[in-house]
Amino acid sequence: MEAESAAAVATAAPVMLELLEESPAKNPRTSWVSPWLQRRKQQGAYENLMRELALEDTENYRRWIRMDTATFEELFDEVRPHITKKDTHFKEAIQAG
């Protein structure tokens, strides 16, 4: 039984190598990333990016947030008091927006 499987592998190996050599080389994948998303690591995900996105690319802002700037600001002003944390003796709280 082992001899049969070894013979099958020995027979199939050259055929597989030939097929691999004949297959066309794949192009490396490239991906396009929006400039404001590239700056996320440098500037953080919210503070500067939200402001920049609202000013420089309003259509992507609307797509990302799913609402226009005025509506987002109105909702955020309503929610801000409920989500804002207080500073402690040990650390400063992360501000809501």
PDB file of N, CA and C in Angstrom:
ATOM      1  N   MET A   1       0.822  -1.191   0.000  1.00  0.00           N
ATOM      2  CA  MET A   1       0.000   0.000   0.000  1.00  0.00           C
ATOM      3  C   MET A   1       0.874   1.267   0.000  1.00  0.00           C
ATOM      4  N   GLU A   2       1.907   1.257   0.849  1.00  0.00           N
ATOM      5  CA  GLU A   2       2.799   2.405   0.913  1.00  0.00           C
ATOM      6  C   GLU A   2       3.580   2.575  -0.384  1.00  0.00           C
ATOM      7  N   ALA A   3       3.940   1.480  -0.973  1.00  0.00           N
ATOM      8  CA  ALA A   3       4.687   1.534  -2.232  1.00  0.00           C
ATOM      9  C   ALA A   3       3.829   2.110  -3.347  1.00  0.00           C
ATOM     10  N   GLU A   4       2.529   1.797  -3.313  1.00  0.00           N
ATOM     11  CA  GLU A   4       1.617   2.328  -4.335  1.00  0.00           C
ATOM     12  C   GLU A   4       1.460   3.844  -4.203  1.00  0.00           C
ATOM     13  N   SER A   5       1.318   4.322  -2.960  1.00  0.00           N
ATOM     14  CA  SER A   5       1.166   5.770  -2.780  1.00  0.00           C
ATOM     15  C   SER A   5       2.465   6.501  -3.110  1.00  0.00           C
ATOM     16  N   ALA A   6       3.599   5.898  -2.799  1.00  0.00           N
ATOM     17  CA  ALA A   6       4.880   6.516  -3.156  1.00  0.00           C
ATOM     18  C   ALA A   6       5.034   6.573  -4.668  1.00  0.00           C
ATOM     19  N   ALA A   7       4.587   5.527  -5.348  1.00  0.00           N
ATOM     20  CA  ALA A   7       4.658   5.515  -6.809  1.00  0.00           C
ATOM     21  C   ALA A   7       3.719   6.558  -7.407  1.00  0.00           C
ATOM     22  N   ALA A   8       2.546   6.724  -6.797  1.00  0.00           N
ATOM     23  CA  ALA A   8       1.592   7.720  -7.286  1.00  0.00           C
ATOM     24  C   ALA A   8       2.150   9.128  -7.122  1.00  0.00           C
ATOM     25  N   VAL A   9       2.785   9.383  -5.991  1.00  0.00           N
ATOM     26  CA  VAL A   9       3.389  10.698  -5.754  1.00  0.00           C
ATOM     27  C   VAL A   9       4.530  10.930  -6.732  1.00  0.00           C
ATOM     28  N   ALA A  10       5.349   9.913  -6.939  1.00  0.00           N
ATOM     29  CA  ALA A  10       6.479  10.043  -7.863  1.00  0.00           C
ATOM     30  C   ALA A  10       6.009  10.278  -9.291  1.00  0.00           C
ATOM     31  N   THR A  11       4.866   9.701  -9.645  1.00  0.00           N
ATOM     32  CA  THR A  11       4.322   9.894 -10.987  1.00  0.00           C
ATOM     33  C   THR A  11       3.680  11.270 -11.131  1.00  0.00           C
ATOM     34  N   ALA A  12       2.997  11.716 -10.091  1.00  0.00           N
ATOM     35  CA  ALA A  12       2.262  12.980 -10.164  1.00  0.00           C
ATOM     36  C   ALA A  12       3.163  14.197  -9.998  1.00  0.00           C
ATOM     37  N   ALA A  13       4.273  14.062  -9.305  1.00  0.00           N
ATOM     38  CA  ALA A  13       5.133  15.208  -9.008  1.00  0.00           C
ATOM     39  C   ALA A  13       5.632  15.920 -10.259  1.00  0.00           C
ATOM     40  N   PRO A  14       6.171  15.230 -11.254  1.00  0.00           N
ATOM     41  CA  PRO A  14       6.638  15.953 -12.453  1.00  0.00           C
ATOM     42  C   PRO A  14       5.508  16.668 -13.190  1.00  0.00           C
ATOM     43  N   VAL A  15       4.326  16.041 -13.207  1.00  0.00           N
ATOM     44  CA  VAL A  15       3.181  16.669 -13.877  1.00  0.00           C
ATOM     45  C   VAL A  15       2.793  17.949 -13.147  1.00  0.00           C
ATOM     46  N   MET A  16       2.760  17.897 -11.812  1.00  0.00           N
ATOM     47  CA  MET A  16       2.408  19.083 -11.025  1.00  0.00           C
ATOM     48  C   MET A  16       3.442  20.194 -11.213  1.00  0.00           C
ATOM     49  N   LEU A  17       4.713  19.839 -11.230  1.00  0.00           N
ATOM     50  CA  LEU A  17       5.758  20.846 -11.440  1.00  0.00           C
ATOM     51  C   LEU A  17       5.623  21.512 -12.799  1.00  0.00           C
ATOM     52  N   GLU A  18       5.305  20.722 -13.802  1.00  0.00           N
ATOM     53  CA  GLU A  18       5.134  21.279 -15.144  1.00  0.00           C
ATOM     54  C   GLU A  18       3.943  22.233 -15.192  1.00  0.00           C
ATOM     55  N   LEU A  19       2.853  21.853 -14.530  1.00  0.00           N
ATOM     56  CA  LEU A  19       1.674  22.725 -14.500  1.00  0.00           C
ATOM     57  C   LEU A  19       1.972  24.030 -13.769  1.00  0.00           C
ATOM     58  N   LEU A  20       2.714  23.944 -12.681  1.00  0.00           N
ATOM     59  CA  LEU A  20       3.065  25.155 -11.938  1.00  0.00           C
ATOM     60  C   LEU A  20       3.953  26.082 -12.758  1.00  0.00           C
ATOM     61  N   GLU A  21       4.863  25.521 -13.511  1.00  0.00           N
ATOM     62  CA  GLU A  21       5.750  26.344 -14.332  1.00  0.00           C
ATOM     63  C   GLU A  21       5.006  27.005 -15.480  1.00  0.00           C
ATOM     64  N   GLU A  22       3.963  26.349 -15.982  1.00  0.00           N
ATOM     65  CA  GLU A  22       3.205  26.897 -17.103  1.00  0.00           C
ATOM     66  C   GLU A  22       2.209  27.968 -16.675  1.00  0.00           C
ATOM     67  N   SER A  23       1.788  27.937 -15.413  1.00  0.00           N
ATOM     68  CA  SER A  23       0.766  28.895 -14.981  1.00  0.00           C
ATOM     69  C   SER A  23       1.333  30.309 -15.013  1.00  0.00           C
ATOM     70  N   PRO A  24       0.521  31.262 -15.453  1.00  0.00           N
ATOM     71  CA  PRO A  24       1.012  32.640 -15.539  1.00  0.00           C
ATOM     72  C   PRO A  24       1.263  33.209 -14.143  1.00  0.00           C
ATOM     73  N   ALA A  25       2.252  34.063 -14.066  1.00  0.00           N
ATOM     74  CA  ALA A  25       2.575  34.684 -12.787  1.00  0.00           C
ATOM     75  C   ALA A  25       1.467  35.656 -12.404  1.00  0.00           C
ATOM     76  N   LYS A  26       1.099  35.623 -11.142  1.00  0.00           N
ATOM     77  CA  LYS A  26       0.053  36.527 -10.664  1.00  0.00           C
ATOM     78  C   LYS A  26       0.650  37.901 -10.401  1.00  0.00           C
ATOM     79  N   ASN A  27      -0.106  38.904 -10.739  1.00  0.00           N
ATOM     80  CA  ASN A  27       0.319  40.264 -10.433  1.00  0.00           C
ATOM     81  C   ASN A  27       0.138  40.505  -8.940  1.00  0.00           C
ATOM     82  N   PRO A  28       1.060  41.219  -8.328  1.00  0.00           N
ATOM     83  CA  PRO A  28       0.872  41.520  -6.909  1.00  0.00           C
ATOM     84  C   PRO A  28      -0.364  42.407  -6.732  1.00  0.00           C
ATOM     85  N   ARG A  29      -1.093  42.137  -5.693  1.00  0.00           N
ATOM     86  CA  ARG A  29      -2.308  42.910  -5.449  1.00  0.00           C
ATOM     87  C   ARG A  29      -1.957  44.317  -4.977  1.00  0.00           C
ATOM     88  N   THR A  30      -2.690  45.243  -5.482  1.00  0.00           N
ATOM     89  CA  THR A  30      -2.539  46.610  -5.023  1.00  0.00           C
ATOM     90  C   THR A  30      -3.884  47.065  -4.491  1.00  0.00           C
ATOM     91  N   SER A  31      -3.831  47.938  -3.542  1.00  0.00           N
ATOM     92  CA  SER A  31      -5.089  48.463  -3.019  1.00  0.00           C
ATOM     93  C   SER A  31      -4.957  49.972  -2.896  1.00  0.00           C
ATOM     94  N   TRP A  32      -6.027  50.639  -3.214  1.00  0.00           N
ATOM     95  CA  TRP A  32      -6.056  52.084  -3.115  1.00  0.00           C
ATOM     96  C   TRP A  32      -6.721  52.439  -1.804  1.00  0.00           C
ATOM     97  N   VAL A  33      -6.101  53.314  -1.057  1.00  0.00           N
ATOM     98  CA  VAL A  33      -6.639  53.740   0.226  1.00  0.00           C
ATOM     99  C   VAL A  33      -6.801  55.247   0.179  1.00  0.00           C
ATOM    100  N   SER A  34      -7.914  55.696   0.656  1.00  0.00           N
ATOM    101  CA  SER A  34      -8.204  57.123   0.697  1.00  0.00           C
ATOM    102  C   SER A  34      -7.121  57.848   1.505  1.00  0.00           C
ATOM    103  N   PRO A  35      -6.713  59.045   1.078  1.00  0.00           N
ATOM    104  CA  PRO A  35      -5.666  59.768   1.806  1.00  0.00           C
ATOM    105  C   PRO A  35      -6.012  60.016   3.272  1.00  0.00           C
ATOM    106  N   TRP A  36      -7.272  60.297   3.567  1.00  0.00           N
ATOM    107  CA  TRP A  36      -7.637  60.561   4.961  1.00  0.00           C
ATOM    108  C   TRP A  36      -7.538  59.294   5.806  1.00  0.00           C
ATOM    109  N   LEU A  37      -7.736  58.113   5.209  1.00  0.00           N
ATOM    110  CA  LEU A  37      -7.572  56.866   5.955  1.00  0.00           C
ATOM    111  C   LEU A  37      -6.100  56.543   6.178  1.00  0.00           C
ATOM    112  N   GLN A  38      -5.236  56.962   5.260  1.00  0.00           N
ATOM    113  CA  GLN A  38      -3.804  56.744   5.444  1.00  0.00           C
ATOM    114  C   GLN A  38      -3.276  57.564   6.618  1.00  0.00           C
ATOM    115  N   ARG A  39      -3.858  58.717   6.867  1.00  0.00           N
ATOM    116  CA  ARG A  39      -3.405  59.575   7.960  1.00  0.00           C
ATOM    117  C   ARG A  39      -3.931  59.113   9.318  1.00  0.00           C
ATOM    118  N   ARG A  40      -4.774  58.081   9.346  1.00  0.00           N
ATOM    119  CA  ARG A  40      -5.400  57.637  10.591  1.00  0.00           C
ATOM    120  C   ARG A  40      -4.363  57.220  11.631  1.00  0.00           C
ATOM    121  N   LYS A  41      -3.297  56.530  11.221  1.00  0.00           N
ATOM    122  CA  LYS A  41      -2.286  56.084  12.177  1.00  0.00           C
ATOM    123  C   LYS A  41      -1.520  57.259  12.774  1.00  0.00           C
ATOM    124  N   GLN A  42      -1.336  58.310  11.999  1.00  0.00           N
ATOM    125  CA  GLN A  42      -0.575  59.458  12.479  1.00  0.00           C
ATOM    126  C   GLN A  42      -1.430  60.379  13.337  1.00  0.00           C
ATOM    127  N   GLN A  43      -2.684  60.561  12.971  1.00  0.00           N
ATOM    128  CA  GLN A  43      -3.495  61.584  13.614  1.00  0.00           C
ATOM    129  C   GLN A  43      -4.596  61.035  14.505  1.00  0.00           C
ATOM    130  N   GLY A  44      -4.747  59.755  14.578  1.00  0.00           N
ATOM    131  CA  GLY A  44      -5.832  59.190  15.365  1.00  0.00           C
ATOM    132  C   GLY A  44      -7.067  59.027  14.504  1.00  0.00           C
ATOM    133  N   ALA A  45      -8.008  58.250  14.997  1.00  0.00           N
ATOM    134  CA  ALA A  45      -9.173  57.916  14.187  1.00  0.00           C
ATOM    135  C   ALA A  45     -10.252  58.982  14.249  1.00  0.00           C
ATOM    136  N   TYR A  46     -10.157  59.918  15.167  1.00  0.00           N
ATOM    137  CA  TYR A  46     -11.283  60.829  15.278  1.00  0.00           C
ATOM    138  C   TYR A  46     -10.910  62.305  15.194  1.00  0.00           C
ATOM    139  N   GLU A  47     -10.177  62.779  16.152  1.00  0.00           N
ATOM    140  CA  GLU A  47     -10.035  64.227  16.365  1.00  0.00           C
ATOM    141  C   GLU A  47      -9.754  65.028  15.100  1.00  0.00           C
ATOM    142  N   ASN A  48      -8.602  64.859  14.511  1.00  0.00           N
ATOM    143  CA  ASN A  48      -8.258  65.641  13.320  1.00  0.00           C
ATOM    144  C   ASN A  48      -8.923  65.112  12.060  1.00  0.00           C
ATOM    145  N   LEU A  49      -9.042  63.790  11.977  1.00  0.00           N
ATOM    146  CA  LEU A  49      -9.571  63.204  10.748  1.00  0.00           C
ATOM    147  C   LEU A  49     -11.016  63.599  10.486  1.00  0.00           C
ATOM    148  N   MET A  50     -11.822  63.628  11.513  1.00  0.00           N
ATOM    149  CA  MET A  50     -13.225  63.994  11.316  1.00  0.00           C
ATOM    150  C   MET A  50     -13.329  65.433  10.807  1.00  0.00           C
ATOM    151  N   ARG A  51     -12.537  66.311  11.395  1.00  0.00           N
ATOM    152  CA  ARG A  51     -12.550  67.703  10.957  1.00  0.00           C
ATOM    153  C   ARG A  51     -12.077  67.828   9.508  1.00  0.00           C
ATOM    154  N   GLU A  52     -10.951  67.174   9.202  1.00  0.00           N
ATOM    155  CA  GLU A  52     -10.409  67.237   7.843  1.00  0.00           C
ATOM    156  C   GLU A  52     -11.365  66.637   6.826  1.00  0.00           C
ATOM    157  N   LEU A  53     -11.932  65.496   7.166  1.00  0.00           N
ATOM    158  CA  LEU A  53     -12.831  64.824   6.234  1.00  0.00           C
ATOM    159  C   LEU A  53     -14.064  65.673   5.976  1.00  0.00           C
ATOM    160  N   ALA A  54     -14.599  66.290   7.006  1.00  0.00           N
ATOM    161  CA  ALA A  54     -15.778  67.140   6.836  1.00  0.00           C
ATOM    162  C   ALA A  54     -15.467  68.335   5.936  1.00  0.00           C
ATOM    163  N   LEU A  55     -14.236  68.828   5.996  1.00  0.00           N
ATOM    164  CA  LEU A  55     -13.877  70.000   5.198  1.00  0.00           C
ATOM    165  C   LEU A  55     -13.419  69.654   3.784  1.00  0.00           C
ATOM    166  N   GLU A  56     -12.601  68.614   3.641  1.00  0.00           N
ATOM    167  CA  GLU A  56     -11.981  68.372   2.334  1.00  0.00           C
ATOM    168  C   GLU A  56     -12.723  67.370   1.465  1.00  0.00           C
ATOM    169  N   ASP A  57     -13.508  66.482   2.062  1.00  0.00           N
ATOM    170  CA  ASP A  57     -14.162  65.443   1.262  1.00  0.00           C
ATOM    171  C   ASP A  57     -15.546  65.159   1.841  1.00  0.00           C
ATOM    172  N   THR A  58     -16.466  66.063   1.606  1.00  0.00           N
ATOM    173  CA  THR A  58     -17.788  65.958   2.229  1.00  0.00           C
ATOM    174  C   THR A  58     -18.566  64.730   1.760  1.00  0.00           C
ATOM    175  N   GLU A  59     -18.346  64.296   0.533  1.00  0.00           N
ATOM    176  CA  GLU A  59     -19.077  63.119   0.036  1.00  0.00           C
ATOM    177  C   GLU A  59     -18.641  61.854   0.771  1.00  0.00           C
ATOM    178  N   ASN A  60     -17.336  61.672   0.970  1.00  0.00           N
ATOM    179  CA  ASN A  60     -16.864  60.516   1.734  1.00  0.00           C
ATOM    180  C   ASN A  60     -17.259  60.626   3.202  1.00  0.00           C
ATOM    181  N   TYR A  61     -17.297  61.828   3.738  1.00  0.00           N
ATOM    182  CA  TYR A  61     -17.764  62.028   5.112  1.00  0.00           C
ATOM    183  C   TYR A  61     -19.193  61.528   5.243  1.00  0.00           C
ATOM    184  N   ARG A  62     -20.037  61.905   4.303  1.00  0.00           N
ATOM    185  CA  ARG A  62     -21.436  61.485   4.340  1.00  0.00           C
ATOM    186  C   ARG A  62     -21.559  59.969   4.198  1.00  0.00           C
ATOM    187  N   ARG A  63     -20.728  59.378   3.351  1.00  0.00           N
ATOM    188  CA  ARG A  63     -20.764  57.919   3.173  1.00  0.00           C
ATOM    189  C   ARG A  63     -20.280  57.191   4.424  1.00  0.00           C
ATOM    190  N   TRP A  64     -19.237  57.730   5.059  1.00  0.00           N
ATOM    191  CA  TRP A  64     -18.645  57.068   6.216  1.00  0.00           C
ATOM    192  C   TRP A  64     -19.535  57.191   7.446  1.00  0.00           C
ATOM    193  N   ILE A  65     -20.066  58.390   7.691  1.00  0.00           N
ATOM    194  CA  ILE A  65     -20.891  58.640   8.867  1.00  0.00           C
ATOM    195  C   ILE A  65     -22.362  58.338   8.598  1.00  0.00           C
ATOM    196  N   ARG A  66     -22.737  58.312   7.346  1.00  0.00           N
ATOM    197  CA  ARG A  66     -24.119  58.058   6.902  1.00  0.00           C
ATOM    198  C   ARG A  66     -25.067  59.202   7.249  1.00  0.00           C
ATOM    199  N   MET A  67     -24.490  60.400   7.366  1.00  0.00           N
ATOM    200  CA  MET A  67     -25.304  61.604   7.554  1.00  0.00           C
ATOM    201  C   MET A  67     -24.440  62.814   7.229  1.00  0.00           C
ATOM    202  N   ASP A  68     -25.079  63.950   7.033  1.00  0.00           N
ATOM    203  CA  ASP A  68     -24.290  65.144   6.715  1.00  0.00           C
ATOM    204  C   ASP A  68     -23.690  65.737   7.990  1.00  0.00           C
ATOM    205  N   THR A  69     -22.804  66.703   7.810  1.00  0.00           N
ATOM    206  CA  THR A  69     -22.069  67.286   8.927  1.00  0.00           C
ATOM    207  C   THR A  69     -22.988  67.930   9.949  1.00  0.00           C
ATOM    208  N   ALA A  70     -23.970  68.677   9.489  1.00  0.00           N
ATOM    209  CA  ALA A  70     -24.868  69.379  10.408  1.00  0.00           C
ATOM    210  C   ALA A  70     -25.653  68.399  11.272  1.00  0.00           C
ATOM    211  N   THR A  71     -26.149  67.331  10.674  1.00  0.00           N
ATOM    212  CA  THR A  71     -26.909  66.342  11.432  1.00  0.00           C
ATOM    213  C   THR A  71     -26.021  65.646  12.457  1.00  0.00           C
ATOM    214  N   PHE A  72     -24.797  65.292  12.050  1.00  0.00           N
ATOM    215  CA  PHE A  72     -23.880  64.643  12.981  1.00  0.00           C
ATOM    216  C   PHE A  72     -23.577  65.555  14.158  1.00  0.00           C
ATOM    217  N   GLU A  73     -23.269  66.814  13.900  1.00  0.00           N
ATOM    218  CA  GLU A  73     -22.961  67.758  14.979  1.00  0.00           C
ATOM    219  C   GLU A  73     -24.148  67.936  15.921  1.00  0.00           C
ATOM    220  N   GLU A  74     -25.340  67.995  15.367  1.00  0.00           N
ATOM    221  CA  GLU A  74     -26.546  68.137  16.189  1.00  0.00           C
ATOM    222  C   GLU A  74     -26.719  66.921  17.107  1.00  0.00           C
ATOM    223  N   LEU A  75     -26.583  65.733  16.550  1.00  0.00           N
ATOM    224  CA  LEU A  75     -26.705  64.518  17.358  1.00  0.00           C
ATOM    225  C   LEU A  75     -25.582  64.415  18.389  1.00  0.00           C
ATOM    226  N   PHE A  76     -24.379  64.766  17.977  1.00  0.00           N
ATOM    227  CA  PHE A  76     -23.240  64.688  18.887  1.00  0.00           C
ATOM    228  C   PHE A  76     -23.413  65.642  20.065  1.00  0.00           C
ATOM    229  N   ASP A  77     -23.935  66.840  19.818  1.00  0.00           N
ATOM    230  CA  ASP A  77     -24.178  67.789  20.904  1.00  0.00           C
ATOM    231  C   ASP A  77     -25.214  67.260  21.892  1.00  0.00           C
ATOM    232  N   GLU A  78     -26.185  66.494  21.392  1.00  0.00           N
ATOM    233  CA  GLU A  78     -27.198  65.899  22.273  1.00  0.00           C
ATOM    234  C   GLU A  78     -26.607  64.776  23.130  1.00  0.00           C
ATOM    235  N   VAL A  79     -25.703  64.011  22.558  1.00  0.00           N
ATOM    236  CA  VAL A  79     -25.173  62.821  23.228  1.00  0.00           C
ATOM    237  C   VAL A  79     -23.961  63.139  24.098  1.00  0.00           C
ATOM    238  N   ARG A  80     -23.226  64.178  23.772  1.00  0.00           N
ATOM    239  CA  ARG A  80     -21.961  64.497  24.443  1.00  0.00           C
ATOM    240  C   ARG A  80     -22.046  64.483  25.969  1.00  0.00           C
ATOM    241  N   PRO A  81     -23.023  65.122  26.607  1.00  0.00           N
ATOM    242  CA  PRO A  81     -23.048  65.106  28.078  1.00  0.00           C
ATOM    243  C   PRO A  81     -23.197  63.696  28.665  1.00  0.00           C
ATOM    244  N   HIS A  82     -23.804  62.808  27.928  1.00  0.00           N
ATOM    245  CA  HIS A  82     -24.049  61.458  28.433  1.00  0.00           C
ATOM    246  C   HIS A  82     -22.849  60.529  28.250  1.00  0.00           C
ATOM    247  N   ILE A  83     -21.968  60.845  27.315  1.00  0.00           N
ATOM    248  CA  ILE A  83     -20.832  59.957  27.052  1.00  0.00           C
ATOM    249  C   ILE A  83     -19.504  60.525  27.541  1.00  0.00           C
ATOM    250  N   THR A  84     -19.489  61.769  28.017  1.00  0.00           N
ATOM    251  CA  THR A  84     -18.256  62.384  28.499  1.00  0.00           C
ATOM    252  C   THR A  84     -17.910  61.821  29.872  1.00  0.00           C
ATOM    253  N   LYS A  85     -16.677  61.369  30.016  1.00  0.00           N
ATOM    254  CA  LYS A  85     -16.197  60.834  31.288  1.00  0.00           C
ATOM    255  C   LYS A  85     -15.544  61.955  32.086  1.00  0.00           C
ATOM    256  N   LYS A  86     -15.354  61.714  33.376  1.00  0.00           N
ATOM    257  CA  LYS A  86     -14.723  62.707  34.238  1.00  0.00           C
ATOM    258  C   LYS A  86     -13.264  62.329  34.485  1.00  0.00           C
ATOM    259  N   ASP A  87     -12.428  63.356  34.676  1.00  0.00           N
ATOM    260  CA  ASP A  87     -11.030  63.124  35.020  1.00  0.00           C
ATOM    261  C   ASP A  87     -10.950  62.565  36.436  1.00  0.00           C
ATOM    262  N   THR A  88      -9.939  61.721  36.678  1.00  0.00           N
ATOM    263  CA  THR A  88      -9.693  61.200  38.023  1.00  0.00           C
ATOM    264  C   THR A  88      -8.317  61.667  38.471  1.00  0.00           C
ATOM    265  N   HIS A  89      -7.942  61.307  39.685  1.00  0.00           N
ATOM    266  CA  HIS A  89      -6.609  61.661  40.184  1.00  0.00           C
ATOM    267  C   HIS A  89      -5.527  60.897  39.430  1.00  0.00           C
ATOM    268  N   PHE A  90      -5.894  59.775  38.844  1.00  0.00           N
ATOM    269  CA  PHE A  90      -4.909  58.920  38.193  1.00  0.00           C
ATOM    270  C   PHE A  90      -4.709  59.231  36.718  1.00  0.00           C
ATOM    271  N   LYS A  91      -5.761  59.646  36.040  1.00  0.00           N
ATOM    272  CA  LYS A  91      -5.620  59.907  34.605  1.00  0.00           C
ATOM    273  C   LYS A  91      -6.683  60.880  34.121  1.00  0.00           C
ATOM    274  N   GLU A  92      -6.359  61.512  33.006  1.00  0.00           N
ATOM    275  CA  GLU A  92      -7.337  62.381  32.357  1.00  0.00           C
ATOM    276  C   GLU A  92      -8.234  61.532  31.473  1.00  0.00           C
ATOM    277  N   ALA A  93      -9.501  61.872  31.448  1.00  0.00           N
ATOM    278  CA  ALA A  93     -10.444  61.131  30.619  1.00  0.00           C
ATOM    279  C   ALA A  93     -10.247  61.492  29.149  1.00  0.00           C
ATOM    280  N   ILE A  94     -10.531  60.539  28.292  1.00  0.00           N
ATOM    281  CA  ILE A  94     -10.508  60.801  26.857  1.00  0.00           C
ATOM    282  C   ILE A  94     -11.761  61.601  26.535  1.00  0.00           C
ATOM    283  N   GLN A  95     -11.573  62.728  25.893  1.00  0.00           N
ATOM    284  CA  GLN A  95     -12.693  63.611  25.596  1.00  0.00           C
ATOM    285  C   GLN A  95     -13.581  63.045  24.500  1.00  0.00           C
ATOM    286  N   ALA A  96     -14.860  63.306  24.593  1.00  0.00           N
ATOM    287  CA  ALA A  96     -15.807  62.896  23.552  1.00  0.00           C
ATOM    288  C   ALA A  96     -15.713  63.899  22.417  1.00  0.00           C
ATOM    289  N   GLY A  97     -15.006  63.518  21.381  1.00  0.00           N
ATOM    290  CA  GLY A  97     -14.871  64.368  20.207  1.00  0.00           C
ATOM    291  C   GLY A  97     -14.124  65.574  20.534  1.00  0.00           C
TER     292      GLY A  97
END
